[in-house]
C-alpha atoms as a PDB file:
ATOM      1  CA  MET A   1     134.642 109.521  83.279  1.00  0.00           C
ATOM      2  CA  GLN A   2     135.091 107.528  86.480  1.00  0.00           C
ATOM      3  CA  THR A   3     132.358 104.987  87.205  1.00  0.00           C
ATOM      4  CA  PHE A   4     130.229 105.503  90.280  1.00  0.00           C
ATOM      5  CA  GLN A   5     131.294 102.164  91.763  1.00  0.00           C
ATOM      6  CA  ALA A   6     134.979 103.008  91.275  1.00  0.00           C
ATOM      7  CA  HIS A   7     134.345 106.357  92.950  1.00  0.00           C
ATOM      8  CA  LEU A   8     132.864 104.586  95.968  1.00  0.00           C
ATOM      9  CA  GLY A   9     135.746 102.134  96.240  1.00  0.00           C
ATOM     10  CA  ALA A  10     133.569  99.577  98.039  1.00  0.00           C
ATOM     11  CA  PRO A  11     130.115  98.049  97.535  1.00  0.00           C
ATOM     12  CA  LEU A  12     127.069  99.945  98.754  1.00  0.00           C
ATOM     13  CA  ASN A  13     124.828  97.827 100.984  1.00  0.00           C
ATOM     14  CA  ARG A  14     121.330  98.099 102.446  1.00  0.00           C
ATOM     15  CA  THR A  15     121.466  98.724 106.188  1.00  0.00           C
ATOM     16  CA  THR A  16     117.775  98.811 107.188  1.00  0.00           C
ATOM     17  CA  LEU A  17     114.391  98.299 105.551  1.00  0.00           C
ATOM     18  CA  THR A  18     111.876 100.879 106.707  1.00  0.00           C
ATOM     19  CA  THR A  19     110.064 101.839 103.493  1.00  0.00           C
ATOM     20  CA  LEU A  20     108.304  99.785 100.842  1.00  0.00           C
ATOM     21  CA  GLN A  21     107.889 101.963  97.747  1.00  0.00           C
ATOM     22  CA  VAL A  22     105.401 100.609  95.223  1.00  0.00           C
ATOM     23  CA  ASN A  23     104.958 101.869  91.671  1.00  0.00           C
ATOM     24  CA  LEU A  24     101.398 101.091  90.596  1.00  0.00           C
ATOM     25  CA  GLY A  25     102.094 101.633  86.916  1.00  0.00           C
ATOM     26  CA  LYS A  26     102.845 104.163  84.218  1.00  0.00           C
ATOM     27  CA  LEU A  27      99.364 105.474  83.491  1.00  0.00           C
ATOM     28  CA  CYS A  28      99.130 109.198  84.226  1.00  0.00           C
ATOM     29  CA  ASN A  29      96.855 112.087  83.277  1.00  0.00           C
ATOM     30  CA  LEU A  30     100.001 114.185  82.601  1.00  0.00           C
ATOM     31  CA  ALA A  31     103.105 113.648  80.451  1.00  0.00           C
ATOM     32  CA  CYS A  32     105.749 115.817  82.138  1.00  0.00           C
ATOM     33  CA  SER A  33     108.942 116.582  80.226  1.00  0.00           C
ATOM     34  CA  HIS A  34     111.188 115.560  83.146  1.00  0.00           C
ATOM     35  CA  CYS A  35     109.393 112.310  84.025  1.00  0.00           C
ATOM     36  CA  HIS A  36     111.867 109.477  84.602  1.00  0.00           C
ATOM     37  CA  VAL A  37     108.977 106.990  84.509  1.00  0.00           C
ATOM     38  CA  GLU A  38     107.925 108.142  81.028  1.00  0.00           C
ATOM     39  CA  ALA A  39     104.362 108.044  82.320  1.00  0.00           C
ATOM     40  CA  GLY A  40     101.419 109.370  80.338  1.00  0.00           C
ATOM     41  CA  PRO A  41      97.750 109.010  79.392  1.00  0.00           C
ATOM     42  CA  LYS A  42      98.447 106.293  76.791  1.00  0.00           C
ATOM     43  CA  ARG A  43     100.460 103.958  79.035  1.00  0.00           C
ATOM     44  CA  THR A  44      98.716 100.708  79.916  1.00  0.00           C
ATOM     45  CA  GLU A  45     101.007  99.231  82.587  1.00  0.00           C
ATOM     46  CA  LEU A  46      99.007  98.825  85.818  1.00  0.00           C
ATOM     47  CA  MET A  47      99.498  96.621  88.894  1.00  0.00           C
ATOM     48  CA  ASP A  48      96.733  94.003  89.145  1.00  0.00           C
ATOM     49  CA  ARG A  49      94.854  92.966  92.278  1.00  0.00           C
ATOM     50  CA  PRO A  50      96.759  89.713  93.008  1.00  0.00           C
ATOM     51  CA  THR A  51     100.076  91.601  92.935  1.00  0.00           C
ATOM     52  CA  ALA A  52      98.628  94.359  95.141  1.00  0.00           C
ATOM     53  CA  GLU A  53      97.506  91.713  97.640  1.00  0.00           C
ATOM     54  CA  ARG A  54     101.029  90.240  97.699  1.00  0.00           C
ATOM     55  CA  VAL A  55     102.383  93.703  98.457  1.00  0.00           C
ATOM     56  CA  ILE A  56     100.123  93.856 101.505  1.00  0.00           C
ATOM     57  CA  ASP A  57     101.112  90.316 102.507  1.00  0.00           C
ATOM     58  CA  PHE A  58     104.785  91.363 102.426  1.00  0.00           C
ATOM     59  CA  LEU A  59     104.031  94.475 104.453  1.00  0.00           C
ATOM     60  CA  ALA A  60     102.113  92.470 107.051  1.00  0.00           C
ATOM     61  CA  ALA A  61     104.952  89.949 107.358  1.00  0.00           C
ATOM     62  CA  HIS A  62     107.558  92.661 108.011  1.00  0.00           C
ATOM     63  CA  PRO A  63     106.514  94.950 110.883  1.00  0.00           C
ATOM     64  CA  GLN A  64     109.841  96.805 110.707  1.00  0.00           C
ATOM     65  CA  ILE A  65     108.602  98.441 107.510  1.00  0.00           C
ATOM     66  CA  SER A  66     106.903 101.557 108.802  1.00  0.00           C
ATOM     67  CA  SER A  67     105.980 103.258 105.509  1.00  0.00           C
ATOM     68  CA  LEU A  68     104.112 102.245 102.365  1.00  0.00           C
ATOM     69  CA  ASP A  69     105.116 104.783  99.716  1.00  0.00           C
ATOM     70  CA  ILE A  70     102.770 104.670  96.710  1.00  0.00           C
ATOM     71  CA  THR A  71     103.822 106.188  93.402  1.00  0.00           C
ATOM     72  CA  GLY A  72     103.257 105.966  89.641  1.00  0.00           C
ATOM     73  CA  GLY A  73     102.388 107.391  87.026  1.00  0.00           C
ATOM     74  CA  ALA A  74      99.448 108.861  88.793  1.00  0.00           C
ATOM     75  CA  PRO A  75      98.976 106.013  91.289  1.00  0.00           C
ATOM     76  CA  GLU A  76      95.397 107.069  92.000  1.00  0.00           C
ATOM     77  CA  LEU A  77      94.427 105.969  88.463  1.00  0.00           C
ATOM     78  CA  ASN A  78      95.108 102.352  89.382  1.00  0.00           C
ATOM     79  CA  PRO A  79      91.853 100.614  90.450  1.00  0.00           C
ATOM     80  CA  ASN A  80      93.750  99.007  93.361  1.00  0.00           C
ATOM     81  CA  PHE A  81      95.037 102.293  94.799  1.00  0.00           C
ATOM     82  CA  ARG A  82      92.300 102.622  97.417  1.00  0.00           C
ATOM     83  CA  TYR A  83      92.650  98.984  98.421  1.00  0.00           C
ATOM     84  CA  LEU A  84      96.378  99.484  99.079  1.00  0.00           C
ATOM     85  CA  VAL A  85      95.772 102.673 101.045  1.00  0.00           C
ATOM     86  CA  GLN A  86      93.119 101.114 103.264  1.00  0.00           C
ATOM     87  CA  ALA A  87      95.011  97.861 103.804  1.00  0.00           C
ATOM     88  CA  GLY A  88      98.236  99.704 104.601  1.00  0.00           C
ATOM     89  CA  ARG A  89      96.529 101.993 107.097  1.00  0.00           C
ATOM     90  CA  GLU A  90      94.686  99.066 108.691  1.00  0.00           C
ATOM     91  CA  LEU A  91      98.114  97.527 109.328  1.00  0.00           C
ATOM     92  CA  GLY A  92      99.019 100.718 111.168  1.00  0.00           C
ATOM     93  CA  ARG A  93     101.590 101.880 108.625  1.00  0.00           C
ATOM     94  CA  GLN A  94     102.250 105.355 107.351  1.00  0.00           C
ATOM     95  CA  VAL A  95     100.922 105.593 103.782  1.00  0.00           C
ATOM     96  CA  ILE A  96     102.345 108.168 101.381  1.00  0.00           C
ATOM     97  CA  ASP A  97     100.634 109.156  98.155  1.00  0.00           C
ATOM     98  CA  ARG A  98     102.984 110.709  95.571  1.00  0.00           C
ATOM     99  CA  CYS A  99     100.384 112.864  93.905  1.00  0.00           C
ATOM    100  CA  ASN A 100     100.578 115.147  90.856  1.00  0.00           C
ATOM    101  CA  LEU A 101      97.773 117.309  92.374  1.00  0.00           C
ATOM    102  CA  THR A 102      95.801 117.685  89.127  1.00  0.00           C
ATOM    103  CA  ILE A 103      94.282 114.226  89.582  1.00  0.00           C
ATOM    104  CA  LEU A 104      92.342 115.631  92.544  1.00  0.00           C
ATOM    105  CA  LEU A 105      90.297 117.712  90.075  1.00  0.00           C
ATOM    106  CA  ALA A 106      89.775 115.025  87.444  1.00  0.00           C
ATOM    107  CA  THR A 107      86.323 113.744  86.513  1.00  0.00           C
ATOM    108  CA  GLY A 108      85.511 110.649  88.527  1.00  0.00           C
ATOM    109  CA  TYR A 109      87.986 111.541  91.285  1.00  0.00           C
ATOM    110  CA  GLU A 110      86.017 114.317  92.957  1.00  0.00           C
ATOM    111  CA  ASP A 111      86.016 112.461  96.301  1.00  0.00           C
ATOM    112  CA  LEU A 112      89.709 111.517  96.207  1.00  0.00           C
ATOM    113  CA  ALA A 113      90.924 114.327  98.466  1.00  0.00           C
ATOM    114  CA  GLU A 114      88.331 113.416 101.086  1.00  0.00           C
ATOM    115  CA  PHE A 115      89.312 109.748 100.838  1.00  0.00           C
ATOM    116  CA  LEU A 116      92.963 110.644 101.481  1.00  0.00           C
ATOM    117  CA  ARG A 117      91.950 112.776 104.452  1.00  0.00           C
ATOM    118  CA  ASP A 118      89.702 110.102 105.940  1.00  0.00           C
ATOM    119  CA  TRP A 119      92.524 107.540 105.818  1.00  0.00           C
ATOM    120  CA  GLN A 120      95.131 110.009 107.121  1.00  0.00           C
ATOM    121  CA  VAL A 121      97.317 109.599 104.032  1.00  0.00           C
ATOM    122  CA  GLU A 122     100.438 111.739 103.788  1.00  0.00           C
ATOM    123  CA  ILE A 123     100.541 113.586 100.479  1.00  0.00           C
ATOM    124  CA  THR A 124     103.817 114.342  98.725  1.00  0.00           C
ATOM    125  CA  ALA A 125     103.015 116.449  95.687  1.00  0.00           C
ATOM    126  CA  SER A 126     105.077 117.674  92.762  1.00  0.00           C
ATOM    127  CA  LEU A 127     105.243 121.453  92.332  1.00  0.00           C
ATOM    128  CA  PRO A 128     108.539 122.248  90.601  1.00  0.00           C
ATOM    129  CA  CYS A 129     108.187 126.000  91.123  1.00  0.00           C
ATOM    130  CA  TYR A 130     105.903 128.605  92.699  1.00  0.00           C
ATOM    131  CA  LEU A 131     105.895 130.472  89.349  1.00  0.00           C
ATOM    132  CA  GLU A 132     103.326 129.543  86.716  1.00  0.00           C
ATOM    133  CA  ASP A 133     105.537 129.741  83.624  1.00  0.00           C
ATOM    134  CA  ASN A 134     108.176 127.423  85.058  1.00  0.00           C
ATOM    135  CA  VAL A 135     105.644 124.776  86.072  1.00  0.00           C
ATOM    136  CA  ASP A 136     103.745 124.837  82.790  1.00  0.00           C
ATOM    137  CA  LYS A 137     107.023 124.642  80.867  1.00  0.00           C
ATOM    138  CA  GLN A 138     107.832 121.355  82.586  1.00  0.00           C
ATOM    139  CA  ARG A 139     104.408 119.829  83.141  1.00  0.00           C
ATOM    140  CA  GLY A 140     102.057 121.249  80.501  1.00  0.00           C
ATOM    141  CA  HIS A 141      99.850 124.286  79.896  1.00  0.00           C
ATOM    142  CA  GLY A 142      97.383 124.973  82.693  1.00  0.00           C
ATOM    143  CA  VAL A 143      98.933 122.502  85.145  1.00  0.00           C
ATOM    144  CA  PHE A 144     100.071 125.218  87.547  1.00  0.00           C
ATOM    145  CA  GLN A 145      96.614 126.726  88.024  1.00  0.00           C
ATOM    146  CA  ASP A 146      95.082 123.270  88.461  1.00  0.00           C
ATOM    147  CA  SER A 147      97.788 122.468  91.021  1.00  0.00           C
ATOM    148  CA  ILE A 148      96.984 125.648  92.947  1.00  0.00           C
ATOM    149  CA  ARG A 149      93.281 124.796  92.981  1.00  0.00           C
ATOM    150  CA  ALA A 150      94.096 121.286  94.230  1.00  0.00           C
ATOM    151  CA  LEU A 151      96.343 122.641  96.998  1.00  0.00           C
ATOM    152  CA  GLN A 152      93.613 125.022  98.108  1.00  0.00           C
ATOM    153  CA  LYS A 153      91.186 122.107  98.202  1.00  0.00           C
ATOM    154  CA  LEU A 154      93.603 120.116 100.367  1.00  0.00           C
ATOM    155  CA  ASN A 155      94.130 123.078 102.701  1.00  0.00           C
ATOM    156  CA  ALA A 156      90.358 123.392 103.114  1.00  0.00           C
ATOM    157  CA  LEU A 157      90.319 119.760 104.310  1.00  0.00           C
ATOM    158  CA  GLY A 158      93.049 120.418 106.878  1.00  0.00           C
ATOM    159  CA  TYR A 159      96.123 119.354 104.931  1.00  0.00           C
ATOM    160  CA  GLY A 160      99.186 121.472 105.670  1.00  0.00           C
ATOM    161  CA  ASP A 161      97.878 122.486 109.100  1.00  0.00           C
ATOM    162  CA  PRO A 162     100.305 121.247 111.805  1.00  0.00           C
ATOM    163  CA  ASP A 163      97.385 120.797 114.227  1.00  0.00           C
ATOM    164  CA  THR A 164      95.543 118.232 112.079  1.00  0.00           C
ATOM    165  CA  GLY A 165      98.326 115.723 111.502  1.00  0.00           C
ATOM    166  CA  LEU A 166      97.512 115.777 107.787  1.00  0.00           C
ATOM    167  CA  SER A 167     100.917 116.174 106.147  1.00  0.00           C
ATOM    168  CA  LEU A 168     101.207 117.936 102.806  1.00  0.00           C
ATOM    169  CA  ASN A 169     104.711 118.052 101.349  1.00  0.00           C
ATOM    170  CA  LEU A 170     105.803 119.581  98.054  1.00  0.00           C
ATOM    171  CA  VAL A 171     108.579 118.439  95.726  1.00  0.00           C
ATOM    172  CA  TYR A 172     110.856 120.785  93.783  1.00  0.00           C
ATOM    173  CA  ASN A 173     113.055 119.684  90.926  1.00  0.00           C
ATOM    174  CA  PRO A 174     115.022 122.066  88.667  1.00  0.00           C
ATOM    175  CA  VAL A 175     113.551 123.073  85.333  1.00  0.00           C
ATOM    176  CA  ASP A 176     117.020 123.337  83.790  1.00  0.00           C
ATOM    177  CA  ALA A 177     120.285 121.373  84.059  1.00  0.00           C
ATOM    178  CA  HIS A 178     121.560 122.405  87.473  1.00  0.00           C
ATOM    179  CA  LEU A 179     121.486 121.173  91.058  1.00  0.00           C
ATOM    180  CA  PRO A 180     118.687 122.234  93.405  1.00  0.00           C
ATOM    181  CA  PRO A 181     119.369 125.254  95.638  1.00  0.00           C
ATOM    182  CA  PRO A 182     119.607 124.754  99.439  1.00  0.00           C
ATOM    183  CA  GLN A 183     116.416 123.085 100.613  1.00  0.00           C
ATOM    184  CA  ALA A 184     115.801 125.171 103.753  1.00  0.00           C
ATOM    185  CA  LYS A 185     116.066 128.494 101.914  1.00  0.00           C
ATOM    186  CA  LEU A 186     113.902 127.330  99.020  1.00  0.00           C
ATOM    187  CA  GLN A 187     111.293 126.000 101.470  1.00  0.00           C
ATOM    188  CA  ALA A 188     111.111 129.431 103.071  1.00  0.00           C
ATOM    189  CA  ASP A 189     110.670 131.020  99.639  1.00  0.00           C
ATOM    190  CA  TYR A 190     107.902 128.562  98.710  1.00  0.00           C
ATOM    191  CA  LYS A 191     106.066 129.094 102.000  1.00  0.00           C
ATOM    192  CA  ARG A 192     106.212 132.874 101.653  1.00  0.00           C
ATOM    193  CA  GLU A 193     105.262 133.055  97.977  1.00  0.00           C
ATOM    194  CA  LEU A 194     102.467 130.479  98.054  1.00  0.00           C
ATOM    195  CA  ALA A 195     100.969 132.036 101.185  1.00  0.00           C
ATOM    196  CA  VAL A 196     101.080 135.594  99.849  1.00  0.00           C
ATOM    197  CA  ARG A 197      99.965 134.803  96.306  1.00  0.00           C
ATOM    198  CA  TYR A 198      97.414 132.034  96.914  1.00  0.00           C
ATOM    199  CA  GLY A 199      96.847 131.581 100.658  1.00  0.00           C
ATOM    200  CA  ILE A 200      98.387 128.099 100.518  1.00  0.00           C
ATOM    201  CA  ALA A 201     100.120 126.354 103.435  1.00  0.00           C
ATOM    202  CA  PHE A 202     102.146 123.138 103.417  1.00  0.00           C
ATOM    203  CA  ASN A 203     104.449 121.242 105.771  1.00  0.00           C
ATOM    204  CA  LYS A 204     107.780 120.557 104.052  1.00  0.00           C
ATOM    205  CA  LEU A 205     109.506 121.092 100.733  1.00  0.00           C
ATOM    206  CA  PHE A 206     111.690 118.318  99.327  1.00  0.00           C
ATOM    207  CA  THR A 207     114.337 119.208  96.742  1.00  0.00           C
ATOM    208  CA  LEU A 208     115.034 116.522  94.156  1.00  0.00           C
ATOM    209  CA  THR A 209     117.883 116.361  91.637  1.00  0.00           C
ATOM    210  CA  ASN A 210     116.920 115.381  88.098  1.00  0.00           C
ATOM    211  CA  LEU A 211     118.647 112.130  87.172  1.00  0.00           C
ATOM    212  CA  PRO A 212     119.842 111.740  83.582  1.00  0.00           C
ATOM    213  CA  ILE A 213     117.501 108.912  82.623  1.00  0.00           C
ATOM    214  CA  ARG A 214     114.463 108.486  80.331  1.00  0.00           C
ATOM    215  CA  ARG A 215     112.728 111.765  79.396  1.00  0.00           C
ATOM    216  CA  TYR A 216     115.237 113.943  81.228  1.00  0.00           C
ATOM    217  CA  ALA A 217     118.081 112.175  79.437  1.00  0.00           C
ATOM    218  CA  HIS A 218     116.328 112.986  76.161  1.00  0.00           C
ATOM    219  CA  PHE A 219     116.040 116.651  77.194  1.00  0.00           C
ATOM    220  CA  LEU A 220     119.766 116.736  77.952  1.00  0.00           C
ATOM    221  CA  ALA A 221     120.584 115.109  74.619  1.00  0.00           C
ATOM    222  CA  VAL A 222     118.505 117.457  72.461  1.00  0.00           C
ATOM    223  CA  THR A 223     119.870 120.518  74.284  1.00  0.00           C
ATOM    224  CA  GLY A 224     123.471 119.303  74.071  1.00  0.00           C
ATOM    225  CA  GLN A 225     123.929 119.159  77.846  1.00  0.00           C
ATOM    226  CA  THR A 226     124.440 115.442  78.485  1.00  0.00           C
ATOM    227  CA  GLU A 227     128.207 115.514  79.081  1.00  0.00           C
ATOM    228  CA  SER A 228     128.234 118.782  81.025  1.00  0.00           C
ATOM    229  CA  TYR A 229     125.407 117.688  83.321  1.00  0.00           C
ATOM    230  CA  GLN A 230     126.964 114.288  84.005  1.00  0.00           C
ATOM    231  CA  ALA A 231     130.254 116.056  84.747  1.00  0.00           C
ATOM    232  CA  LEU A 232     128.454 118.421  87.132  1.00  0.00           C
ATOM    233  CA  LEU A 233     126.957 115.490  89.034  1.00  0.00           C
ATOM    234  CA  GLN A 234     130.297 113.687  89.317  1.00  0.00           C
ATOM    235  CA  GLN A 235     132.220 116.806  90.337  1.00  0.00           C
ATOM    236  CA  SER A 236     129.592 117.496  93.002  1.00  0.00           C
ATOM    237  CA  PHE A 237     129.844 114.017  94.581  1.00  0.00           C
ATOM    238  CA  ASN A 238     129.446 114.327  98.350  1.00  0.00           C
ATOM    239  CA  PRO A 239     130.448 111.295 100.470  1.00  0.00           C
ATOM    240  CA  GLY A 240     128.379 112.715 103.324  1.00  0.00           C
ATOM    241  CA  THR A 241     125.233 111.690 101.468  1.00  0.00           C
ATOM    242  CA  LEU A 242     125.999 107.963 101.403  1.00  0.00           C
ATOM    243  CA  GLU A 243     124.573 107.014 104.789  1.00  0.00           C
ATOM    244  CA  GLY A 244     121.178 108.550 104.031  1.00  0.00           C
ATOM    245  CA  LEU A 245     120.702 107.248 100.486  1.00  0.00           C
ATOM    246  CA  MET A 246     117.155 105.961 100.088  1.00  0.00           C
ATOM    247  CA  CYS A 247     118.356 102.701  98.529  1.00  0.00           C
ATOM    248  CA  ARG A 248     119.981 101.812 101.856  1.00  0.00           C
ATOM    249  CA  HIS A 249     116.677 101.951 103.722  1.00  0.00           C
ATOM    250  CA  GLN A 250     113.965 100.967 101.253  1.00  0.00           C
ATOM    251  CA  ILE A 251     113.095  98.829  98.250  1.00  0.00           C
ATOM    252  CA  SER A 252     111.135  99.692  95.127  1.00  0.00           C
ATOM    253  CA  VAL A 253     108.538  97.362  93.602  1.00  0.00           C
ATOM    254  CA  ASP A 254     107.210  97.721  90.062  1.00  0.00           C
ATOM    255  CA  TRP A 255     103.724  97.041  88.723  1.00  0.00           C
ATOM    256  CA  LEU A 256     104.634  93.390  88.070  1.00  0.00           C
ATOM    257  CA  GLY A 257     106.024  92.789  91.569  1.00  0.00           C
ATOM    258  CA  ASN A 258     109.707  92.934  90.586  1.00  0.00           C
ATOM    259  CA  VAL A 259     112.062  94.307  93.252  1.00  0.00           C
ATOM    260  CA  TYR A 260     114.647  97.052  92.715  1.00  0.00           C
ATOM    261  CA  ASP A 261     116.940  99.017  94.986  1.00  0.00           C
ATOM    262  CA  CYS A 262     115.281 102.315  94.059  1.00  0.00           C
ATOM    263  CA  ASP A 263     112.728 103.834  91.709  1.00  0.00           C
ATOM    264  CA  PHE A 264     115.444 105.034  89.333  1.00  0.00           C
ATOM    265  CA  ASN A 265     116.970 101.548  89.050  1.00  0.00           C
ATOM    266  CA  GLN A 266     113.478 100.295  88.348  1.00  0.00           C
ATOM    267  CA  MET A 267     113.113 102.597  85.352  1.00  0.00           C
ATOM    268  CA  LEU A 268     116.505 101.443  84.060  1.00  0.00           C
ATOM    269  CA  GLU A 269     115.506  97.787  84.680  1.00  0.00           C
ATOM    270  CA  LEU A 270     118.556  97.419  86.902  1.00  0.00           C
ATOM    271  CA  GLY A 271     117.381  94.635  89.216  1.00  0.00           C
ATOM    272  CA  VAL A 272     118.599  93.769  92.689  1.00  0.00           C
ATOM    273  CA  PRO A 273     121.794  91.673  92.657  1.00  0.00           C
ATOM    274  CA  GLY A 274     121.624  88.040  93.737  1.00  0.00           C
ATOM    275  CA  GLU A 275     118.840  85.487  93.828  1.00  0.00           C
ATOM    276  CA  GLY A 276     115.185  86.488  93.901  1.00  0.00           C
ATOM    277  CA  ARG A 277     113.505  89.091  91.762  1.00  0.00           C
ATOM    278  CA  LYS A 278     109.826  89.032  92.747  1.00  0.00           C
ATOM    279  CA  LEU A 279     108.693  90.518  96.061  1.00  0.00           C
ATOM    280  CA  TRP A 280     107.167  87.204  97.134  1.00  0.00           C
ATOM    281  CA  GLU A 281     110.485  85.427  96.548  1.00  0.00           C
ATOM    282  CA  LEU A 282     112.256  87.601  99.122  1.00  0.00           C
ATOM    283  CA  SER A 283     112.176  88.524 102.779  1.00  0.00           C
ATOM    284  CA  ALA A 284     113.707  91.387 104.713  1.00  0.00           C
ATOM    285  CA  SER A 285     116.538  89.124 105.831  1.00  0.00           C
ATOM    286  CA  ASP A 286     117.349  88.441 102.162  1.00  0.00           C
ATOM    287  CA  LEU A 287     117.588  92.159 101.484  1.00  0.00           C
ATOM    288  CA  LEU A 288     119.433  93.461 104.535  1.00  0.00           C
ATOM    289  CA  GLY A 289     123.170  93.707 103.956  1.00  0.00           C
ATOM    290  CA  ARG A 290     122.666  92.957 100.278  1.00  0.00           C
ATOM    291  CA  GLU A 291     124.777  94.818  97.753  1.00  0.00           C
ATOM    292  CA  ILE A 292     122.928  97.605  95.942  1.00  0.00           C
ATOM    293  CA  ALA A 293     123.048  97.832  92.151  1.00  0.00           C
ATOM    294  CA  THR A 294     124.627 101.129  91.070  1.00  0.00           C
ATOM    295  CA  GLY A 295     125.369 103.022  87.864  1.00  0.00           C
ATOM    296  CA  GLN A 296     126.383 106.436  86.592  1.00  0.00           C
ATOM    297  CA  HIS A 297     122.922 107.824  87.388  1.00  0.00           C
ATOM    298  CA  CYS A 298     123.687 107.338  91.095  1.00  0.00           C
ATOM    299  CA  TYR A 299     125.833 110.471  91.003  1.00  0.00           C
ATOM    300  CA  GLY A 300     122.509 112.340  90.942  1.00  0.00           C
ATOM    301  CA  CYS A 301     121.572 111.186  94.447  1.00  0.00           C
ATOM    302  CA  THR A 302     125.027 111.924  95.862  1.00  0.00           C
ATOM    303  CA  ALA A 303     125.648 115.340  94.288  1.00  0.00           C
ATOM    304  CA  GLY A 304     125.720 118.443  96.456  1.00  0.00           C
ATOM    305  CA  ALA A 305     123.324 118.147  99.378  1.00  0.00           C
ATOM    306  CA  GLY A 306     122.111 114.804  98.055  1.00  0.00           C
ATOM    307  CA  SER A 307     118.708 113.796  96.760  1.00  0.00           C
ATOM    308  CA  SER A 308     116.077 111.294  97.818  1.00  0.00           C
ATOM    309  CA  CYS A 309     112.326 110.814  97.901  1.00  0.00           C
ATOM    310  CA  GLY A 310     112.466 112.714 101.204  1.00  0.00           C
ATOM    311  CA  GLY A 311     114.510 115.594  99.841  1.00  0.00           C
ATOM    312  CA  SER A 312     118.115 116.586 100.483  1.00  0.00           C
ATOM    313  CA  LEU A 313     120.311 114.328 102.609  1.00  0.00           C
ATOM    314  CA  VAL A 314     122.767 116.721 104.296  1.00  0.00           C
END
């Protein structure tokens, strides 16, 4: 099988730096079967306060970074989550919370939805299907109904209403080993079905391709689909996706402050090439034009319509 780098024929480089994505750790109230972070209730990795403060220092020093994208695990379980949200918003940056929805109903987090509303946080939430069986198959029994209740709570606060400015986006990823369907058509299906069945509104749907790493790689292995899925990704390579790849416009920081080209590289411990590994050892000028570390998993982001934290690319 041809390597991704050989397929490209030339190095992939970062062209701009507009998003700082920060993974606050691997602690989560769920343990989803597709999770590339391998997050769960028993994980102990959490970003501490000094590292969180250095994240804000980096953000303040680089005004060209317009978005602070906070993820996990369930990032809200980190004691420094609210500090990062408030500090990021006080700097005038867009703050995105990658939320699993069920955390909004958890004991001790009853005011979380209101906190997100008060600080005008954009919510990007995982909902891999509008059908209960498919969601529970991937995320655990009862998760779908809890997700619906959380979405209704967010709608009641104004999320998903274009007149409030409170953005609520959903994320779809396939349950089985195939590429996502066209994003626009699936978004229309989600909007129709969620509105009719549950009275739920949202802004955008992002389709995300499952990358063959961590728990999803294990799923492929036990179902005997590793080779066929990797072949599907390679055969579906689309050069039109390269300009919009998220690694060309953002960096990913782990709970220890280490810098990676994307969240997937982070989970594979595939660090940024060159000197400097910690966020506080680098500046935007160090990162712009820098070669991006790639591997076979990168076919996932370039297959079909492409895949990124903001959905399809073409």
